[in-house]
């Protein structure tokens, strides 16, 4: 699938896949100098790119597992959603979940972008919903005995 990318800054790096079978393409920080993210602080990090997501698809911005597990850095909104009609710059809101200040360097891989198809729901109000074994059971209800 072709996805058109526009650089909003000449120093921006086009997303790349780490391996042949990677589901997410790495997004790179567009920074002039390293930035520090204090514990429990959130910062907006530019990528310098805009994308043209095909109709019927969306872009999902996920954490890079190494940043989250080793450094406590992950997108503040957990998963960012890029709609097919959005043409602005992709920004990553990195949040520091750790107790230590973290540094992000220029051109560092800061998140990953996956392009996925989605189904558009036609929501219909109903008086009742069909019964299931689980019913209204919430968090942890499927493993409860």
Protein backbone atom coordinates (compact mmCIF):
# COMPACT_ATOMS: atom_id res chain seq x y z
CA UNK A 1 0.00 0.00 0.00
CA UNK A 2 1.30 3.43 -0.89
CA UNK A 3 0.96 6.13 1.78
CA UNK A 4 1.94 9.61 0.75
CA UNK A 5 4.20 11.50 3.18
CA UNK A 6 4.95 15.20 3.17
CA UNK A 7 7.89 16.64 5.07
CA UNK A 8 6.89 19.81 6.92
CA UNK A 9 10.58 20.36 7.66
CA UNK A 10 13.51 19.40 5.45
CA UNK A 11 15.29 17.75 8.43
CA UNK A 12 12.40 15.32 9.00
CA UNK A 13 12.99 11.59 8.60
CA UNK A 14 10.49 9.47 6.68
CA UNK A 15 9.15 6.57 8.83
CA UNK A 16 11.04 3.29 8.48
CA UNK A 17 10.33 -0.33 9.37
CA UNK A 18 12.84 -2.03 11.67
CA UNK A 19 12.42 -5.46 10.05
CA UNK A 20 10.68 -7.03 7.09
CA UNK A 21 7.74 -8.11 9.29
CA UNK A 22 7.39 -5.03 11.51
CA UNK A 23 3.76 -3.90 11.83
CA UNK A 24 4.68 -0.36 12.89
CA UNK A 25 7.01 2.07 11.17
CA UNK A 26 9.30 4.11 13.42
CA UNK A 27 8.58 7.81 13.84
CA UNK A 28 11.58 10.07 14.45
CA UNK A 29 11.94 13.11 16.70
CA UNK A 30 12.47 16.36 14.84
CA UNK A 31 14.60 18.28 17.32
CA UNK A 32 17.42 20.81 17.03
CA UNK A 33 18.90 19.66 20.34
CA UNK A 34 18.23 16.98 22.95
CA UNK A 35 15.24 17.61 25.23
CA UNK A 36 14.71 16.49 28.80
CA UNK A 37 11.40 15.13 30.01
CA UNK A 38 11.08 15.33 33.77
CA UNK A 39 9.32 12.60 35.78
CA UNK A 40 5.56 12.60 35.11
CA UNK A 41 5.93 15.40 32.54
CA UNK A 42 4.41 15.35 29.05
CA UNK A 43 5.99 17.10 26.05
CA UNK A 44 4.93 17.47 22.43
CA UNK A 45 7.60 16.18 20.07
CA UNK A 46 7.52 17.18 16.40
CA UNK A 47 8.10 14.58 13.68
CA UNK A 48 8.15 17.01 10.76
CA UNK A 49 5.88 14.83 8.63
CA UNK A 50 2.25 14.76 7.51
CA UNK A 51 0.60 11.69 6.02
CA UNK A 52 -2.20 11.00 3.56
CA UNK A 53 -3.95 8.00 5.07
CA UNK A 54 -6.14 6.22 2.47
CA UNK A 55 -9.90 6.30 2.95
CA UNK A 56 -11.08 3.34 5.06
CA UNK A 57 -7.82 3.28 7.02
CA UNK A 58 -6.43 5.08 10.04
CA UNK A 59 -2.98 5.62 11.41
CA UNK A 60 -2.35 4.47 14.97
CA UNK A 61 0.61 5.86 16.90
CA UNK A 62 1.91 3.38 19.47
CA UNK A 63 4.76 3.39 22.00
CA UNK A 64 8.04 1.80 21.07
CA UNK A 65 8.38 -1.08 23.51
CA UNK A 66 12.02 -0.31 24.31
CA UNK A 67 11.24 3.30 25.25
CA UNK A 68 8.34 2.30 27.46
CA UNK A 69 9.97 -0.69 29.17
CA UNK A 70 13.49 0.68 29.58
CA UNK A 71 12.93 4.42 29.93
CA UNK A 72 9.30 4.93 30.93
CA UNK A 73 8.50 7.05 27.84
CA UNK A 74 5.24 6.44 25.98
CA UNK A 75 2.59 8.47 24.18
CA UNK A 76 0.51 10.31 26.79
CA UNK A 77 -2.76 9.29 25.12
CA UNK A 78 -1.54 5.65 24.92
CA UNK A 79 -2.58 5.31 21.27
CA UNK A 80 -2.84 8.28 18.94
CA UNK A 81 -5.38 8.10 16.12
CA UNK A 82 -4.72 9.75 12.76
CA UNK A 83 -7.88 10.01 10.66
CA UNK A 84 -7.81 9.71 6.87
CA UNK A 85 -8.81 13.37 6.46
CA UNK A 86 -6.09 14.81 8.77
CA UNK A 87 -3.26 16.52 6.92
CA UNK A 88 -1.42 18.26 9.76
CA UNK A 89 1.94 17.36 11.22
CA UNK A 90 2.14 14.20 13.30
CA UNK A 91 3.07 15.14 16.85
CA UNK A 92 3.88 12.62 19.58
CA UNK A 93 2.96 13.56 23.14
CA UNK A 94 5.63 11.71 25.10
CA UNK A 95 4.94 11.18 28.80
CA UNK A 96 7.62 10.18 31.29
CA UNK A 97 6.09 7.54 33.56
CA UNK A 98 9.35 7.05 35.46
CA UNK A 99 10.90 8.75 38.47
CA UNK A 100 14.00 9.80 36.49
CA UNK A 101 14.47 12.58 33.95
CA UNK A 102 14.69 11.13 30.42
CA UNK A 103 16.46 12.62 27.42
CA UNK A 104 15.22 12.42 23.83
CA UNK A 105 17.81 13.08 21.15
CA UNK A 106 17.35 14.58 17.68
CA UNK A 107 16.40 11.93 15.10
CA UNK A 108 15.65 9.39 17.85
CA UNK A 109 12.88 6.85 17.18
CA UNK A 110 10.09 7.95 19.53
CA UNK A 111 6.97 6.00 18.52
CA UNK A 112 5.64 3.72 15.82
CA UNK A 113 2.94 4.24 13.24
CA UNK A 114 0.69 1.40 12.06
CA UNK A 115 -1.79 1.85 9.20
CA UNK A 116 -4.92 -0.24 9.75
CA UNK A 117 -8.31 -0.69 8.08
CA UNK A 118 -11.37 0.02 10.18
CA UNK A 119 -15.11 -0.51 9.99
CA UNK A 120 -17.40 2.48 10.33
CA UNK A 121 -20.25 1.65 12.73
CA UNK A 122 -23.83 2.67 12.07
CA UNK A 123 -24.95 3.16 15.68
CA UNK A 124 -28.57 2.25 16.31
CA UNK A 125 -30.27 2.91 19.63
CA UNK A 126 -32.06 -0.11 21.13
CA UNK A 127 -34.27 -0.71 24.17
CA UNK A 128 -32.54 -4.02 24.92
CA UNK A 129 -29.36 -5.84 23.90
CA UNK A 130 -28.99 -9.58 23.31
CA UNK A 131 -28.05 -11.71 26.34
CA UNK A 132 -24.61 -13.32 26.70
CA UNK A 133 -23.03 -15.56 29.33
CA UNK A 134 -20.79 -12.71 30.46
CA UNK A 135 -23.58 -10.13 30.52
CA UNK A 136 -22.52 -6.90 32.22
CA UNK A 137 -19.47 -8.45 33.93
CA UNK A 138 -16.62 -5.93 33.97
CA UNK A 139 -12.89 -5.98 34.58
CA UNK A 140 -11.67 -9.40 35.63
CA UNK A 141 -15.12 -10.98 35.37
CA UNK A 142 -14.13 -13.60 32.79
CA UNK A 143 -11.55 -15.15 35.11
CA UNK A 144 -13.66 -15.03 38.29
CA UNK A 145 -14.97 -18.31 39.72
